[in-house]
Every structure is written in C-alpha cells, then in structure tokens.
Amino acid sequence: NWLVEVPDPNVSIGLLCEPFKIEMV
C-alpha cells in the first residue's frame, strides 16, 4: 500500500501512485 509515515494524527504521507479511476465496492 501507499502509506509511508503518519507524522500527525490527521496526516498521512504516502507514495504517489497512478490511481485506477474506479472504486471496488
């Protein structure tokens, strides 16, 4: 997954991926 670090309770830093323009519900 994209997550690298959570430096703050409200903040996530992650890898920049090219998103699929769909949600897998």
PDB file of all heavy atoms in Angstrom:
ATOM      1  N   ASN A   1       0.825  -1.211   0.000  1.00  0.00           N
ATOM      2  CA  ASN A   1       0.000   0.000   0.000  1.00  0.00           C
ATOM      3  C   ASN A   1       0.857   1.259   0.000  1.00  0.00           C
ATOM      4  O   ASN A   1       2.075   1.210   0.131  1.00  0.00           O
ATOM      5  CB  ASN A   1      -0.978  -0.005   1.181  1.00  0.00           C
ATOM      6  CG  ASN A   1      -0.282   0.055   2.532  1.00  0.00           C
ATOM      7  OD1 ASN A   1       0.409   1.026   2.861  1.00  0.00           O
ATOM      8  ND2 ASN A   1      -0.442  -1.009   3.338  1.00  0.00           N
ATOM      9  N   TRP A   2       0.179   2.375  -0.148  1.00  0.00           N
ATOM     10  CA  TRP A   2       0.833   3.653  -0.377  1.00  0.00           C
ATOM     11  C   TRP A   2       1.439   4.275   0.870  1.00  0.00           C
ATOM     12  O   TRP A   2       2.308   5.149   0.779  1.00  0.00           O
ATOM     13  CB  TRP A   2      -0.189   4.632  -0.966  1.00  0.00           C
ATOM     14  CG  TRP A   2      -1.172   5.144   0.054  1.00  0.00           C
ATOM     15  CD1 TRP A   2      -2.163   4.431   0.669  1.00  0.00           C
ATOM     16  CD2 TRP A   2      -1.244   6.469   0.591  1.00  0.00           C
ATOM     17  NE1 TRP A   2      -2.854   5.213   1.561  1.00  0.00           N
ATOM     18  CE2 TRP A   2      -2.320   6.475   1.525  1.00  0.00           C
ATOM     19  CE3 TRP A   2      -0.533   7.651   0.386  1.00  0.00           C
ATOM     20  CZ2 TRP A   2      -2.671   7.616   2.252  1.00  0.00           C
ATOM     21  CZ3 TRP A   2      -0.888   8.787   1.097  1.00  0.00           C
ATOM     22  CH2 TRP A   2      -1.945   8.758   2.020  1.00  0.00           C
ATOM     23  N   LEU A   3       1.038   3.831   2.082  1.00  0.00           N
ATOM     24  CA  LEU A   3       1.403   4.526   3.309  1.00  0.00           C
ATOM     25  C   LEU A   3       2.894   4.391   3.634  1.00  0.00           C
ATOM     26  O   LEU A   3       3.448   3.295   3.647  1.00  0.00           O
ATOM     27  CB  LEU A   3       0.583   3.973   4.474  1.00  0.00           C
ATOM     28  CG  LEU A   3       0.724   4.736   5.793  1.00  0.00           C
ATOM     29  CD1 LEU A   3       0.179   6.149   5.681  1.00  0.00           C
ATOM     30  CD2 LEU A   3       0.005   3.976   6.913  1.00  0.00           C
ATOM     31  N   VAL A   4       3.527   5.526   3.931  1.00  0.00           N
ATOM     32  CA  VAL A   4       4.935   5.563   4.329  1.00  0.00           C
ATOM     33  C   VAL A   4       5.078   5.968   5.784  1.00  0.00           C
ATOM     34  O   VAL A   4       5.830   5.377   6.547  1.00  0.00           O
ATOM     35  CB  VAL A   4       5.736   6.541   3.437  1.00  0.00           C
ATOM     36  CG1 VAL A   4       7.171   6.697   3.943  1.00  0.00           C
ATOM     37  CG2 VAL A   4       5.733   6.075   1.982  1.00  0.00           C
ATOM     38  N   GLU A   5       4.325   6.996   6.212  1.00  0.00           N
ATOM     39  CA  GLU A   5       4.501   7.543   7.557  1.00  0.00           C
ATOM     40  C   GLU A   5       3.232   8.291   7.970  1.00  0.00           C
ATOM     41  O   GLU A   5       2.523   8.848   7.128  1.00  0.00           O
ATOM     42  CB  GLU A   5       5.700   8.494   7.578  1.00  0.00           C
ATOM     43  CG  GLU A   5       6.077   9.020   8.940  1.00  0.00           C
ATOM     44  CD  GLU A   5       7.299   9.937   8.894  1.00  0.00           C
ATOM     45  OE1 GLU A   5       7.933  10.046   7.820  1.00  0.00           O
ATOM     46  OE2 GLU A   5       7.616  10.530   9.934  1.00  0.00           O
ATOM     47  N   VAL A   6       2.968   8.300   9.295  1.00  0.00           N
ATOM     48  CA  VAL A   6       1.865   9.081   9.863  1.00  0.00           C
ATOM     49  C   VAL A   6       2.469  10.018  10.910  1.00  0.00           C
ATOM     50  O   VAL A   6       2.572   9.663  12.088  1.00  0.00           O
ATOM     51  CB  VAL A   6       0.785   8.162  10.479  1.00  0.00           C
ATOM     52  CG1 VAL A   6      -0.350   8.992  11.090  1.00  0.00           C
ATOM     53  CG2 VAL A   6       0.228   7.204   9.432  1.00  0.00           C
ATOM     54  N   PRO A   7       2.894  11.219  10.495  1.00  0.00           N
ATOM     55  CA  PRO A   7       3.597  12.114  11.412  1.00  0.00           C
ATOM     56  C   PRO A   7       2.676  12.884  12.355  1.00  0.00           C
ATOM     57  O   PRO A   7       3.148  13.533  13.285  1.00  0.00           O
ATOM     58  CB  PRO A   7       4.307  13.083  10.453  1.00  0.00           C
ATOM     59  CG  PRO A   7       3.405  13.137   9.254  1.00  0.00           C
ATOM     60  CD  PRO A   7       2.812  11.772   9.125  1.00  0.00           C
ATOM     61  N   ASP A   8       1.375  12.822  12.108  1.00  0.00           N
ATOM     62  CA  ASP A   8       0.399  13.553  12.914  1.00  0.00           C
ATOM     63  C   ASP A   8      -0.905  12.759  12.880  1.00  0.00           C
ATOM     64  O   ASP A   8      -1.172  12.057  11.898  1.00  0.00           O
ATOM     65  CB  ASP A   8       0.182  14.955  12.321  1.00  0.00           C
ATOM     66  CG  ASP A   8      -0.858  15.758  13.081  1.00  0.00           C
ATOM     67  OD1 ASP A   8      -0.467  16.460  14.029  1.00  0.00           O
ATOM     68  OD2 ASP A   8      -2.052  15.683  12.732  1.00  0.00           O
ATOM     69  N   PRO A   9      -1.723  12.816  13.938  1.00  0.00           N
ATOM     70  CA  PRO A   9      -2.967  12.049  13.929  1.00  0.00           C
ATOM     71  C   PRO A   9      -3.858  12.292  12.709  1.00  0.00           C
ATOM     72  O   PRO A   9      -4.619  11.407  12.323  1.00  0.00           O
ATOM     73  CB  PRO A   9      -3.662  12.502  15.218  1.00  0.00           C
ATOM     74  CG  PRO A   9      -2.550  12.881  16.132  1.00  0.00           C
ATOM     75  CD  PRO A   9      -1.513  13.504  15.238  1.00  0.00           C
ATOM     76  N   ASN A  10      -3.758  13.464  12.111  1.00  0.00           N
ATOM     77  CA  ASN A  10      -4.606  13.791  10.952  1.00  0.00           C
ATOM     78  C   ASN A  10      -3.882  13.679   9.617  1.00  0.00           C
ATOM     79  O   ASN A  10      -4.487  13.947   8.574  1.00  0.00           O
ATOM     80  CB  ASN A  10      -5.159  15.214  11.082  1.00  0.00           C
ATOM     81  CG  ASN A  10      -6.218  15.335  12.150  1.00  0.00           C
ATOM     82  OD1 ASN A  10      -5.916  15.379  13.337  1.00  0.00           O
ATOM     83  ND2 ASN A  10      -7.483  15.368  11.736  1.00  0.00           N
ATOM     84  N   VAL A  11      -2.594  13.308   9.636  1.00  0.00           N
ATOM     85  CA  VAL A  11      -1.794  13.389   8.409  1.00  0.00           C
ATOM     86  C   VAL A  11      -1.165  12.048   8.059  1.00  0.00           C
ATOM     87  O   VAL A  11      -0.597  11.371   8.916  1.00  0.00           O
ATOM     88  CB  VAL A  11      -0.676  14.450   8.562  1.00  0.00           C
ATOM     89  CG1 VAL A  11       0.164  14.523   7.289  1.00  0.00           C
ATOM     90  CG2 VAL A  11      -1.281  15.816   8.877  1.00  0.00           C
ATOM     91  N   SER A  12      -1.249  11.685   6.790  1.00  0.00           N
ATOM     92  CA  SER A  12      -0.539  10.517   6.264  1.00  0.00           C
ATOM     93  C   SER A  12       0.321  10.950   5.086  1.00  0.00           C
ATOM     94  O   SER A  12      -0.113  11.746   4.248  1.00  0.00           O
ATOM     95  CB  SER A  12      -1.525   9.441   5.801  1.00  0.00           C
ATOM     96  OG  SER A  12      -2.168   8.829   6.889  1.00  0.00           O
ATOM     97  N   ILE A  13       1.536  10.399   5.034  1.00  0.00           N
ATOM     98  CA  ILE A  13       2.433  10.624   3.907  1.00  0.00           C
ATOM     99  C   ILE A  13       2.585   9.289   3.193  1.00  0.00           C
ATOM    100  O   ILE A  13       2.816   8.256   3.825  1.00  0.00           O
ATOM    101  CB  ILE A  13       3.805  11.145   4.369  1.00  0.00           C
ATOM    102  CG1 ILE A  13       3.653  12.469   5.118  1.00  0.00           C
ATOM    103  CG2 ILE A  13       4.753  11.294   3.182  1.00  0.00           C
ATOM    104  CD1 ILE A  13       4.932  12.972   5.750  1.00  0.00           C
ATOM    105  N   GLY A  14       2.432   9.321   1.891  1.00  0.00           N
ATOM    106  CA  GLY A  14       2.493   8.065   1.167  1.00  0.00           C
ATOM    107  C   GLY A  14       3.054   8.214  -0.227  1.00  0.00           C
ATOM    108  O   GLY A  14       3.345   9.329  -0.706  1.00  0.00           O
ATOM    109  N   LEU A  15       3.196   7.086  -0.893  1.00  0.00           N
ATOM    110  CA  LEU A  15       3.737   7.053  -2.251  1.00  0.00           C
ATOM    111  C   LEU A  15       2.701   7.548  -3.244  1.00  0.00           C
ATOM    112  O   LEU A  15       1.509   7.267  -3.133  1.00  0.00           O
ATOM    113  CB  LEU A  15       4.146   5.621  -2.601  1.00  0.00           C
ATOM    114  CG  LEU A  15       5.234   4.997  -1.724  1.00  0.00           C
ATOM    115  CD1 LEU A  15       5.377   3.513  -2.046  1.00  0.00           C
ATOM    116  CD2 LEU A  15       6.556   5.723  -1.932  1.00  0.00           C
ATOM    117  N   LEU A  16       3.180   8.279  -4.235  1.00  0.00           N
ATOM    118  CA  LEU A  16       2.313   8.793  -5.290  1.00  0.00           C
ATOM    119  C   LEU A  16       2.099   7.695  -6.329  1.00  0.00           C
ATOM    120  O   LEU A  16       3.030   7.279  -7.011  1.00  0.00           O
ATOM    121  CB  LEU A  16       2.954  10.022  -5.937  1.00  0.00           C
ATOM    122  CG  LEU A  16       2.221  10.646  -7.126  1.00  0.00           C
ATOM    123  CD1 LEU A  16       0.843  11.156  -6.686  1.00  0.00           C
ATOM    124  CD2 LEU A  16       3.037  11.788  -7.711  1.00  0.00           C
ATOM    125  N   CYS A  17       0.881   7.200  -6.412  1.00  0.00           N
ATOM    126  CA  CYS A  17       0.537   6.143  -7.368  1.00  0.00           C
ATOM    127  C   CYS A  17      -0.401   6.713  -8.429  1.00  0.00           C
ATOM    128  O   CYS A  17      -1.093   7.706  -8.202  1.00  0.00           O
ATOM    129  CB  CYS A  17      -0.151   4.984  -6.659  1.00  0.00           C
ATOM    130  SG  CYS A  17       0.816   4.221  -5.334  1.00  0.00           S
ATOM    131  N   GLU A  18      -0.436   6.053  -9.560  1.00  0.00           N
ATOM    132  CA  GLU A  18      -1.412   6.410 -10.589  1.00  0.00           C
ATOM    133  C   GLU A  18      -2.710   5.662 -10.272  1.00  0.00           C
ATOM    134  O   GLU A  18      -2.772   4.443 -10.366  1.00  0.00           O
ATOM    135  CB  GLU A  18      -0.913   5.994 -11.974  1.00  0.00           C
ATOM    136  CG  GLU A  18      -1.917   6.276 -13.073  1.00  0.00           C
ATOM    137  CD  GLU A  18      -1.565   5.599 -14.388  1.00  0.00           C
ATOM    138  OE1 GLU A  18      -0.540   4.891 -14.447  1.00  0.00           O
ATOM    139  OE2 GLU A  18      -2.345   5.754 -15.344  1.00  0.00           O
ATOM    140  N   PRO A  19      -3.757   6.378  -9.853  1.00  0.00           N
ATOM    141  CA  PRO A  19      -4.956   5.682  -9.382  1.00  0.00           C
ATOM    142  C   PRO A  19      -5.789   5.085 -10.508  1.00  0.00           C
ATOM    143  O   PRO A  19      -5.889   5.655 -11.594  1.00  0.00           O
ATOM    144  CB  PRO A  19      -5.740   6.783  -8.665  1.00  0.00           C
ATOM    145  CG  PRO A  19      -5.293   8.045  -9.328  1.00  0.00           C
ATOM    146  CD  PRO A  19      -3.861   7.833  -9.731  1.00  0.00           C
ATOM    147  N   PHE A  20      -6.367   3.924 -10.248  1.00  0.00           N
ATOM    148  CA  PHE A  20      -7.437   3.420 -11.100  1.00  0.00           C
ATOM    149  C   PHE A  20      -8.655   4.300 -10.827  1.00  0.00           C
ATOM    150  O   PHE A  20      -8.997   4.543  -9.672  1.00  0.00           O
ATOM    151  CB  PHE A  20      -7.764   1.967 -10.768  1.00  0.00           C
ATOM    152  CG  PHE A  20      -6.709   0.978 -11.177  1.00  0.00           C
ATOM    153  CD1 PHE A  20      -5.721   0.584 -10.282  1.00  0.00           C
ATOM    154  CD2 PHE A  20      -6.704   0.437 -12.451  1.00  0.00           C
ATOM    155  CE1 PHE A  20      -4.749  -0.341 -10.647  1.00  0.00           C
ATOM    156  CE2 PHE A  20      -5.736  -0.494 -12.830  1.00  0.00           C
ATOM    157  CZ  PHE A  20      -4.753  -0.877 -11.933  1.00  0.00           C
ATOM    158  N   LYS A  21      -9.334   4.744 -11.860  1.00  0.00           N
ATOM    159  CA  LYS A  21     -10.467   5.651 -11.691  1.00  0.00           C
ATOM    160  C   LYS A  21     -11.754   4.892 -11.378  1.00  0.00           C
ATOM    161  O   LYS A  21     -12.832   5.196 -11.916  1.00  0.00           O
ATOM    162  CB  LYS A  21     -10.642   6.505 -12.953  1.00  0.00           C
ATOM    163  CG  LYS A  21      -9.519   7.498 -13.190  1.00  0.00           C
ATOM    164  CD  LYS A  21      -9.545   8.605 -12.146  1.00  0.00           C
ATOM    165  CE  LYS A  21      -8.519   9.696 -12.460  1.00  0.00           C
ATOM    166  NZ  LYS A  21      -8.576  10.805 -11.481  1.00  0.00           N
ATOM    167  N   ILE A  22     -11.637   3.917 -10.503  1.00  0.00           N
ATOM    168  CA  ILE A  22     -12.795   3.148 -10.060  1.00  0.00           C
ATOM    169  C   ILE A  22     -12.660   2.860  -8.574  1.00  0.00           C
ATOM    170  O   ILE A  22     -11.559   2.855  -8.029  1.00  0.00           O
ATOM    171  CB  ILE A  22     -12.935   1.805 -10.818  1.00  0.00           C
ATOM    172  CG1 ILE A  22     -11.631   1.006 -10.772  1.00  0.00           C
ATOM    173  CG2 ILE A  22     -13.402   2.022 -12.248  1.00  0.00           C
ATOM    174  CD1 ILE A  22     -11.725  -0.376 -11.394  1.00  0.00           C
ATOM    175  N   GLU A  23     -13.802   2.666  -7.934  1.00  0.00           N
ATOM    176  CA  GLU A  23     -13.825   2.196  -6.556  1.00  0.00           C
ATOM    177  C   GLU A  23     -14.335   0.764  -6.575  1.00  0.00           C
ATOM    178  O   GLU A  23     -15.364   0.468  -7.188  1.00  0.00           O
ATOM    179  CB  GLU A  23     -14.738   3.075  -5.696  1.00  0.00           C
ATOM    180  CG  GLU A  23     -14.216   4.488  -5.498  1.00  0.00           C
ATOM    181  CD  GLU A  23     -15.081   5.307  -4.563  1.00  0.00           C
ATOM    182  OE1 GLU A  23     -16.220   4.874  -4.264  1.00  0.00           O
ATOM    183  OE2 GLU A  23     -14.627   6.370  -4.111  1.00  0.00           O
ATOM    184  N   MET A  24     -13.612  -0.118  -5.904  1.00  0.00           N
ATOM    185  CA  MET A  24     -14.017  -1.512  -5.828  1.00  0.00           C
ATOM    186  C   MET A  24     -14.907  -1.675  -4.600  1.00  0.00           C
ATOM    187  O   MET A  24     -14.434  -1.905  -3.478  1.00  0.00           O
ATOM    188  CB  MET A  24     -12.796  -2.422  -5.771  1.00  0.00           C
ATOM    189  CG  MET A  24     -11.907  -2.355  -7.003  1.00  0.00           C
ATOM    190  SD  MET A  24     -12.732  -2.940  -8.507  1.00  0.00           S
ATOM    191  CE  MET A  24     -12.771  -4.714  -8.186  1.00  0.00           C
ATOM    192  N   VAL A  25     -16.200  -1.531  -4.819  1.00  0.00           N
ATOM    193  CA  VAL A  25     -17.180  -1.665  -3.743  1.00  0.00           C
ATOM    194  C   VAL A  25     -17.511  -3.151  -3.585  1.00  0.00           C
ATOM    195  O   VAL A  25     -17.812  -3.828  -4.564  1.00  0.00           O
ATOM    196  CB  VAL A  25     -18.461  -0.877  -4.061  1.00  0.00           C
ATOM    197  CG1 VAL A  25     -19.468  -1.019  -2.917  1.00  0.00           C
ATOM    198  CG2 VAL A  25     -18.135   0.592  -4.316  1.00  0.00           C
TER     199      VAL A  25
END
